[in-house]
Full PDB file with SEQRES, HELIX, SHEET, SSBOND, CRYST1, ORIGX, SCALE, CONECT and MASTER records, all heavy atoms in Angstrom:
SEQRES   1 A   33  GLN THR GLU LEU SER PRO GLU GLN LEU ARG ASN LEU ALA          
SEQRES   2 A   33  SER GLY PHE CYS THR GLY MET GLY THR LEU GLU ALA THR          
SEQRES   3 A   33  CYS GLY ALA LEU ILE GLY ALA                                  
HELIX    1 AA1 PRO A    6  ALA A   13  1                                   8    
HELIX    2 AA2 SER A   14  PHE A   16  5                                   3    
HELIX    3 AA3 CYS A   17  MET A   20  1                                   4    
HELIX    4 AA4 GLY A   28  GLY A   32  1                                   5    
CRYST1    1.000    1.000    1.000  90.00  90.00  90.00 P 1           1          
ORIGX1      1.000000  0.000000  0.000000        0.00000                         
ORIGX2      0.000000  1.000000  0.000000        0.00000                         
ORIGX3      0.000000  0.000000  1.000000        0.00000                         
SCALE1      1.000000  0.000000  0.000000        0.00000                         
SCALE2      0.000000  1.000000  0.000000        0.00000                         
SCALE3      0.000000  0.000000  1.000000        0.00000                         
ATOM      1  N   GLN A   1     127.905  -0.064 -59.324  1.00  0.00           N  
ATOM      2  CA  GLN A   1     128.467   0.499 -60.524  1.00  0.00           C  
ATOM      3  C   GLN A   1     128.843  -0.590 -61.552  1.00  0.00           C  
ATOM      4  O   GLN A   1     129.268  -0.321 -62.624  1.00  0.00           O  
ATOM      5  CB  GLN A   1     129.745   1.265 -60.162  1.00  0.00           C  
ATOM      6  CG  GLN A   1     129.557   2.466 -59.279  1.00  0.00           C  
ATOM      7  CD  GLN A   1     128.698   3.549 -59.963  1.00  0.00           C  
ATOM      8  OE1 GLN A   1     129.191   4.060 -60.961  1.00  0.00           O  
ATOM      9  NE2 GLN A   1     127.555   3.809 -59.468  1.00  0.00           N  
ATOM     10  N   THR A   2     128.535  -1.879 -61.186  1.00  0.00           N  
ATOM     11  CA  THR A   2     128.869  -2.969 -62.073  1.00  0.00           C  
ATOM     12  C   THR A   2     127.648  -3.900 -62.179  1.00  0.00           C  
ATOM     13  O   THR A   2     126.598  -3.670 -61.456  1.00  0.00           O  
ATOM     14  CB  THR A   2     130.041  -3.810 -61.508  1.00  0.00           C  
ATOM     15  OG1 THR A   2     129.560  -4.659 -60.541  1.00  0.00           O  
ATOM     16  CG2 THR A   2     131.138  -3.022 -60.984  1.00  0.00           C  
ATOM     17  N   GLU A   3     127.738  -4.875 -63.032  1.00  0.00           N  
ATOM     18  CA  GLU A   3     126.628  -5.832 -63.205  1.00  0.00           C  
ATOM     19  C   GLU A   3     127.101  -7.191 -62.461  1.00  0.00           C  
ATOM     20  O   GLU A   3     126.343  -8.171 -62.595  1.00  0.00           O  
ATOM     21  CB  GLU A   3     126.309  -6.105 -64.625  1.00  0.00           C  
ATOM     22  CG  GLU A   3     125.804  -4.838 -65.366  1.00  0.00           C  
ATOM     23  CD  GLU A   3     125.503  -5.010 -66.769  1.00  0.00           C  
ATOM     24  OE1 GLU A   3     125.627  -6.139 -67.337  1.00  0.00           O  
ATOM     25  OE2 GLU A   3     125.070  -4.100 -67.387  1.00  0.00           O  
ATOM     26  N   LEU A   4     128.189  -7.213 -61.839  1.00  0.00           N  
ATOM     27  CA  LEU A   4     128.674  -8.429 -61.202  1.00  0.00           C  
ATOM     28  C   LEU A   4     128.058  -8.588 -59.769  1.00  0.00           C  
ATOM     29  O   LEU A   4     127.716  -7.570 -59.141  1.00  0.00           O  
ATOM     30  CB  LEU A   4     130.167  -8.470 -61.101  1.00  0.00           C  
ATOM     31  CG  LEU A   4     130.919  -8.442 -62.393  1.00  0.00           C  
ATOM     32  CD1 LEU A   4     132.428  -8.502 -62.119  1.00  0.00           C  
ATOM     33  CD2 LEU A   4     130.543  -9.574 -63.287  1.00  0.00           C  
ATOM     34  N   SER A   5     127.982  -9.791 -59.310  1.00  0.00           N  
ATOM     35  CA  SER A   5     127.431 -10.063 -57.994  1.00  0.00           C  
ATOM     36  C   SER A   5     128.551  -9.757 -56.971  1.00  0.00           C  
ATOM     37  O   SER A   5     129.814  -9.668 -57.350  1.00  0.00           O  
ATOM     38  CB  SER A   5     127.060 -11.514 -57.876  1.00  0.00           C  
ATOM     39  OG  SER A   5     128.276 -12.366 -57.808  1.00  0.00           O  
ATOM     40  N   PRO A   6     128.109  -9.515 -55.725  1.00  0.00           N  
ATOM     41  CA  PRO A   6     129.128  -9.287 -54.670  1.00  0.00           C  
ATOM     42  C   PRO A   6     130.216 -10.404 -54.632  1.00  0.00           C  
ATOM     43  O   PRO A   6     131.393 -10.111 -54.439  1.00  0.00           O  
ATOM     44  CB  PRO A   6     128.329  -9.223 -53.376  1.00  0.00           C  
ATOM     45  CG  PRO A   6     126.970  -8.747 -53.846  1.00  0.00           C  
ATOM     46  CD  PRO A   6     126.813  -9.348 -55.203  1.00  0.00           C  
ATOM     47  N   GLU A   7     129.779 -11.657 -54.775  1.00  0.00           N  
ATOM     48  CA  GLU A   7     130.793 -12.775 -54.786  1.00  0.00           C  
ATOM     49  C   GLU A   7     131.748 -12.738 -55.887  1.00  0.00           C  
ATOM     50  O   GLU A   7     132.896 -12.902 -55.794  1.00  0.00           O  
ATOM     51  CB  GLU A   7     130.056 -14.109 -54.762  1.00  0.00           C  
ATOM     52  CG  GLU A   7     130.959 -15.319 -54.675  1.00  0.00           C  
ATOM     53  CD  GLU A   7     130.213 -16.614 -54.634  1.00  0.00           C  
ATOM     54  OE1 GLU A   7     128.918 -16.648 -54.576  1.00  0.00           O  
ATOM     55  OE2 GLU A   7     130.893 -17.626 -54.597  1.00  0.00           O  
ATOM     56  N   GLN A   8     131.194 -12.427 -57.111  1.00  0.00           N  
ATOM     57  CA  GLN A   8     132.093 -12.340 -58.303  1.00  0.00           C  
ATOM     58  C   GLN A   8     133.045 -11.164 -58.068  1.00  0.00           C  
ATOM     59  O   GLN A   8     134.327 -11.313 -58.429  1.00  0.00           O  
ATOM     60  CB  GLN A   8     131.265 -11.982 -59.570  1.00  0.00           C  
ATOM     61  CG  GLN A   8     130.478 -13.234 -59.993  1.00  0.00           C  
ATOM     62  CD  GLN A   8     129.549 -12.826 -61.141  1.00  0.00           C  
ATOM     63  OE1 GLN A   8     128.869 -11.913 -61.150  1.00  0.00           O  
ATOM     64  NE2 GLN A   8     129.501 -13.744 -62.148  1.00  0.00           N  
ATOM     65  N   LEU A   9     132.733 -10.032 -57.552  1.00  0.00           N  
ATOM     66  CA  LEU A   9     133.563  -8.934 -57.343  1.00  0.00           C  
ATOM     67  C   LEU A   9     134.602  -9.258 -56.259  1.00  0.00           C  
ATOM     68  O   LEU A   9     135.841  -8.925 -56.414  1.00  0.00           O  
ATOM     69  CB  LEU A   9     132.759  -7.676 -56.881  1.00  0.00           C  
ATOM     70  CG  LEU A   9     132.030  -6.990 -57.945  1.00  0.00           C  
ATOM     71  CD1 LEU A   9     131.023  -5.977 -57.380  1.00  0.00           C  
ATOM     72  CD2 LEU A   9     132.871  -6.314 -58.916  1.00  0.00           C  
ATOM     73  N   ARG A  10     134.174  -9.921 -55.247  1.00  0.00           N  
ATOM     74  CA  ARG A  10     135.144 -10.358 -54.149  1.00  0.00           C  
ATOM     75  C   ARG A  10     136.190 -11.301 -54.697  1.00  0.00           C  
ATOM     76  O   ARG A  10     137.323 -11.153 -54.488  1.00  0.00           O  
ATOM     77  CB  ARG A  10     134.344 -10.974 -52.990  1.00  0.00           C  
ATOM     78  CG  ARG A  10     135.149 -11.292 -51.766  1.00  0.00           C  
ATOM     79  CD  ARG A  10     134.356 -11.848 -50.587  1.00  0.00           C  
ATOM     80  NE  ARG A  10     133.371 -12.892 -50.972  1.00  0.00           N  
ATOM     81  CZ  ARG A  10     132.038 -12.630 -50.999  1.00  0.00           C  
ATOM     82  NH1 ARG A  10     131.554 -11.414 -50.785  1.00  0.00           N  
ATOM     83  NH2 ARG A  10     131.212 -13.524 -51.371  1.00  0.00           N  
ATOM     84  N   ASN A  11     135.744 -12.233 -55.539  1.00  0.00           N  
ATOM     85  CA  ASN A  11     136.693 -13.120 -56.155  1.00  0.00           C  
ATOM     86  C   ASN A  11     137.571 -12.455 -57.145  1.00  0.00           C  
ATOM     87  O   ASN A  11     138.838 -12.680 -57.200  1.00  0.00           O  
ATOM     88  CB  ASN A  11     135.983 -14.226 -56.904  1.00  0.00           C  
ATOM     89  CG  ASN A  11     135.174 -15.224 -55.978  1.00  0.00           C  
ATOM     90  OD1 ASN A  11     135.509 -15.306 -54.779  1.00  0.00           O  
ATOM     91  ND2 ASN A  11     134.222 -15.920 -56.507  1.00  0.00           N  
ATOM     92  N   LEU A  12     137.049 -11.544 -57.944  1.00  0.00           N  
ATOM     93  CA  LEU A  12     137.904 -10.789 -58.884  1.00  0.00           C  
ATOM     94  C   LEU A  12     139.012 -10.053 -58.209  1.00  0.00           C  
ATOM     95  O   LEU A  12     140.175 -10.034 -58.780  1.00  0.00           O  
ATOM     96  CB  LEU A  12     136.939  -9.830 -59.689  1.00  0.00           C  
ATOM     97  CG  LEU A  12     137.632  -8.906 -60.632  1.00  0.00           C  
ATOM     98  CD1 LEU A  12     138.166  -9.624 -61.832  1.00  0.00           C  
ATOM     99  CD2 LEU A  12     136.587  -7.843 -61.168  1.00  0.00           C  
ATOM    100  N   ALA A  13     138.714  -9.360 -57.099  1.00  0.00           N  
ATOM    101  CA  ALA A  13     139.672  -8.543 -56.453  1.00  0.00           C  
ATOM    102  C   ALA A  13     140.524  -9.330 -55.428  1.00  0.00           C  
ATOM    103  O   ALA A  13     141.406  -8.682 -54.834  1.00  0.00           O  
ATOM    104  CB  ALA A  13     138.933  -7.372 -55.746  1.00  0.00           C  
ATOM    105  N   SER A  14     140.321 -10.581 -55.202  1.00  0.00           N  
ATOM    106  CA  SER A  14     140.963 -11.293 -54.027  1.00  0.00           C  
ATOM    107  C   SER A  14     142.465 -11.255 -54.137  1.00  0.00           C  
ATOM    108  O   SER A  14     143.099 -11.336 -53.064  1.00  0.00           O  
ATOM    109  CB  SER A  14     140.422 -12.688 -53.995  1.00  0.00           C  
ATOM    110  OG  SER A  14     140.727 -13.413 -55.143  1.00  0.00           O  
ATOM    111  N   GLY A  15     143.044 -11.293 -55.269  1.00  0.00           N  
ATOM    112  CA  GLY A  15     144.551 -11.406 -55.324  1.00  0.00           C  
ATOM    113  C   GLY A  15     145.247 -10.080 -55.532  1.00  0.00           C  
ATOM    114  O   GLY A  15     146.466 -10.132 -55.792  1.00  0.00           O  
ATOM    115  N   PHE A  16     144.644  -8.942 -55.320  1.00  0.00           N  
ATOM    116  CA  PHE A  16     145.225  -7.714 -55.582  1.00  0.00           C  
ATOM    117  C   PHE A  16     145.659  -6.802 -54.388  1.00  0.00           C  
ATOM    118  O   PHE A  16     145.947  -5.658 -54.468  1.00  0.00           O  
ATOM    119  CB  PHE A  16     144.412  -6.925 -56.581  1.00  0.00           C  
ATOM    120  CG  PHE A  16     144.425  -7.495 -57.940  1.00  0.00           C  
ATOM    121  CD1 PHE A  16     143.437  -8.391 -58.270  1.00  0.00           C  
ATOM    122  CD2 PHE A  16     145.398  -7.264 -58.800  1.00  0.00           C  
ATOM    123  CE1 PHE A  16     143.319  -8.971 -59.520  1.00  0.00           C  
ATOM    124  CE2 PHE A  16     145.455  -7.936 -60.092  1.00  0.00           C  
ATOM    125  CZ  PHE A  16     144.373  -8.721 -60.381  1.00  0.00           C  
ATOM    126  N   CYS A  17     145.584  -7.372 -53.164  1.00  0.00           N  
ATOM    127  CA  CYS A  17     145.941  -6.654 -52.021  1.00  0.00           C  
ATOM    128  C   CYS A  17     147.535  -6.617 -51.923  1.00  0.00           C  
ATOM    129  O   CYS A  17     148.246  -7.239 -52.568  1.00  0.00           O  
ATOM    130  CB  CYS A  17     145.416  -7.304 -50.812  1.00  0.00           C  
ATOM    131  SG  CYS A  17     145.873  -8.945 -50.493  1.00  0.00           S  
ATOM    132  N   THR A  18     148.019  -5.789 -51.011  1.00  0.00           N  
ATOM    133  CA  THR A  18     149.431  -5.629 -50.589  1.00  0.00           C  
ATOM    134  C   THR A  18     150.215  -5.335 -51.876  1.00  0.00           C  
ATOM    135  O   THR A  18     151.284  -5.893 -52.167  1.00  0.00           O  
ATOM    136  CB  THR A  18     150.012  -6.855 -49.991  1.00  0.00           C  
ATOM    137  OG1 THR A  18     148.997  -7.481 -49.034  1.00  0.00           O  
ATOM    138  CG2 THR A  18     151.214  -6.620 -49.246  1.00  0.00           C  
ATOM    139  N   GLY A  19     149.655  -4.431 -52.734  1.00  0.00           N  
ATOM    140  CA  GLY A  19     150.428  -3.894 -53.878  1.00  0.00           C  
ATOM    141  C   GLY A  19     150.582  -4.890 -54.986  1.00  0.00           C  
ATOM    142  O   GLY A  19     151.657  -5.434 -55.208  1.00  0.00           O  
ATOM    143  N   MET A  20     149.518  -5.305 -55.574  1.00  0.00           N  
ATOM    144  CA  MET A  20     149.524  -6.160 -56.732  1.00  0.00           C  
ATOM    145  C   MET A  20     149.890  -7.601 -56.308  1.00  0.00           C  
ATOM    146  O   MET A  20     150.691  -8.207 -56.990  1.00  0.00           O  
ATOM    147  CB  MET A  20     150.511  -5.625 -57.684  1.00  0.00           C  
ATOM    148  CG  MET A  20     150.245  -5.639 -59.253  1.00  0.00           C  
ATOM    149  SD  MET A  20     148.621  -5.471 -59.784  1.00  0.00           S  
ATOM    150  CE  MET A  20     148.840  -6.378 -61.303  1.00  0.00           C  
ATOM    151  N   GLY A  21     149.239  -8.112 -55.273  1.00  0.00           N  
ATOM    152  CA  GLY A  21     149.426  -9.417 -54.900  1.00  0.00           C  
ATOM    153  C   GLY A  21     150.712  -9.596 -54.107  1.00  0.00           C  
ATOM    154  O   GLY A  21     151.527 -10.509 -54.426  1.00  0.00           O  
ATOM    155  N   THR A  22     150.959  -8.814 -53.129  1.00  0.00           N  
ATOM    156  CA  THR A  22     152.073  -8.830 -52.251  1.00  0.00           C  
ATOM    157  C   THR A  22     153.490  -8.428 -52.885  1.00  0.00           C  
ATOM    158  O   THR A  22     154.563  -8.635 -52.240  1.00  0.00           O  
ATOM    159  CB  THR A  22     152.364 -10.239 -51.582  1.00  0.00           C  
ATOM    160  OG1 THR A  22     152.843 -11.127 -52.534  1.00  0.00           O  
ATOM    161  CG2 THR A  22     151.137 -10.780 -50.932  1.00  0.00           C  
ATOM    162  N   LEU A  23     153.397  -7.681 -53.969  1.00  0.00           N  
ATOM    163  CA  LEU A  23     154.611  -7.228 -54.609  1.00  0.00           C  
ATOM    164  C   LEU A  23     154.969  -5.815 -54.134  1.00  0.00           C  
ATOM    165  O   LEU A  23     156.022  -5.267 -54.490  1.00  0.00           O  
ATOM    166  CB  LEU A  23     154.488  -7.250 -56.062  1.00  0.00           C  
ATOM    167  CG  LEU A  23     154.337  -8.561 -56.750  1.00  0.00           C  
ATOM    168  CD1 LEU A  23     154.074  -8.437 -58.203  1.00  0.00           C  
ATOM    169  CD2 LEU A  23     155.590  -9.494 -56.516  1.00  0.00           C  
ATOM    170  N   GLU A  24     154.111  -5.187 -53.351  1.00  0.00           N  
ATOM    171  CA  GLU A  24     154.346  -3.840 -52.811  1.00  0.00           C  
ATOM    172  C   GLU A  24     154.343  -2.879 -54.048  1.00  0.00           C  
ATOM    173  O   GLU A  24     154.965  -1.876 -54.005  1.00  0.00           O  
ATOM    174  CB  GLU A  24     155.490  -3.679 -52.015  1.00  0.00           C  
ATOM    175  CG  GLU A  24     155.373  -4.514 -50.684  1.00  0.00           C  
ATOM    176  CD  GLU A  24     156.638  -4.546 -49.925  1.00  0.00           C  
ATOM    177  OE1 GLU A  24     157.766  -4.048 -50.407  1.00  0.00           O  
ATOM    178  OE2 GLU A  24     156.620  -5.092 -48.817  1.00  0.00           O  
ATOM    179  N   ALA A  25     153.597  -3.274 -55.113  1.00  0.00           N  
ATOM    180  CA  ALA A  25     153.563  -2.370 -56.325  1.00  0.00           C  
ATOM    181  C   ALA A  25     152.257  -1.535 -56.178  1.00  0.00           C  
ATOM    182  O   ALA A  25     151.931  -1.015 -55.123  1.00  0.00           O  
ATOM    183  CB  ALA A  25     153.636  -3.278 -57.522  1.00  0.00           C  
ATOM    184  N   THR A  26     151.489  -1.489 -57.329  1.00  0.00           N  
ATOM    185  CA  THR A  26     150.357  -0.545 -57.299  1.00  0.00           C  
ATOM    186  C   THR A  26     149.425  -0.954 -56.200  1.00  0.00           C  
ATOM    187  O   THR A  26     149.086  -2.085 -55.966  1.00  0.00           O  
ATOM    188  CB  THR A  26     149.604  -0.684 -58.667  1.00  0.00           C  
ATOM    189  OG1 THR A  26     150.564  -0.427 -59.692  1.00  0.00           O  
ATOM    190  CG2 THR A  26     148.400   0.265 -58.712  1.00  0.00           C  
ATOM    191  N   CYS A  27     148.886   0.092 -55.456  1.00  0.00           N  
ATOM    192  CA  CYS A  27     147.983  -0.065 -54.348  1.00  0.00           C  
ATOM    193  C   CYS A  27     146.728  -0.866 -54.737  1.00  0.00           C  
ATOM    194  O   CYS A  27     146.096  -0.608 -55.765  1.00  0.00           O  
ATOM    195  CB  CYS A  27     147.642   1.336 -53.813  1.00  0.00           C  
ATOM    196  SG  CYS A  27     146.377   1.254 -52.623  1.00  0.00           S  
ATOM    197  N   GLY A  28     146.447  -1.821 -53.940  1.00  0.00           N  
ATOM    198  CA  GLY A  28     145.177  -2.682 -54.216  1.00  0.00           C  
ATOM    199  C   GLY A  28     143.944  -1.907 -54.191  1.00  0.00           C  
ATOM    200  O   GLY A  28     143.012  -2.201 -54.973  1.00  0.00           O  
ATOM    201  N   ALA A  29     143.766  -0.881 -53.414  1.00  0.00           N  
ATOM    202  CA  ALA A  29     142.642  -0.037 -53.426  1.00  0.00           C  
ATOM    203  C   ALA A  29     142.464   0.690 -54.703  1.00  0.00           C  
ATOM    204  O   ALA A  29     141.349   0.734 -55.278  1.00  0.00           O  
ATOM    205  CB  ALA A  29     142.671   0.971 -52.199  1.00  0.00           C  
ATOM    206  N   LEU A  30     143.574   1.172 -55.210  1.00  0.00           N  
ATOM    207  CA  LEU A  30     143.527   1.885 -56.558  1.00  0.00           C  
ATOM    208  C   LEU A  30     143.197   0.876 -57.654  1.00  0.00           C  
ATOM    209  O   LEU A  30     142.495   1.119 -58.535  1.00  0.00           O  
ATOM    210  CB  LEU A  30     144.911   2.508 -56.722  1.00  0.00           C  
ATOM    211  CG  LEU A  30     145.121   3.225 -58.091  1.00  0.00           C  
ATOM    212  CD1 LEU A  30     144.077   4.309 -58.294  1.00  0.00           C  
ATOM    213  CD2 LEU A  30     146.531   3.805 -58.117  1.00  0.00           C  
ATOM    214  N   ILE A  31     143.753  -0.359 -57.559  1.00  0.00           N  
ATOM    215  CA  ILE A  31     143.468  -1.421 -58.497  1.00  0.00           C  
ATOM    216  C   ILE A  31     141.934  -1.701 -58.459  1.00  0.00           C  
ATOM    217  O   ILE A  31     141.404  -1.938 -59.574  1.00  0.00           O  
ATOM    218  CB  ILE A  31     144.295  -2.659 -58.304  1.00  0.00           C  
ATOM    219  CG1 ILE A  31     145.773  -2.289 -58.591  1.00  0.00           C  
ATOM    220  CG2 ILE A  31     143.816  -3.804 -59.154  1.00  0.00           C  
ATOM    221  CD1 ILE A  31     146.683  -3.461 -58.182  1.00  0.00           C  
ATOM    222  N   GLY A  32     141.438  -1.869 -57.257  1.00  0.00           N  
ATOM    223  CA  GLY A  32     140.018  -2.127 -57.198  1.00  0.00           C  
ATOM    224  C   GLY A  32     139.153  -1.098 -57.798  1.00  0.00           C  
ATOM    225  O   GLY A  32     138.116  -1.382 -58.585  1.00  0.00           O  
ATOM    226  N   ALA A  33     139.488   0.126 -57.596  1.00  0.00           N  
ATOM    227  CA  ALA A  33     138.655   1.243 -58.273  1.00  0.00           C  
ATOM    228  C   ALA A  33     138.866   1.204 -59.827  1.00  0.00           C  
ATOM    229  O   ALA A  33     137.921   1.453 -60.571  1.00  0.00           O  
ATOM    230  CB  ALA A  33     139.135   2.665 -57.785  1.00  0.00           C  
TER     231      ALA A  33                                                      
MASTER        0    0    0    4    0    0    0    6  230    1    0    3          
END                                                                             
């Protein structure tokens, strides 16, 4: 759905797990979408 490479996407999303980077805020899966 994007023009980015798998590596670029992986890097882009790397810091957003555990609720906005371990803050337990917005779900990382939702942020990824």
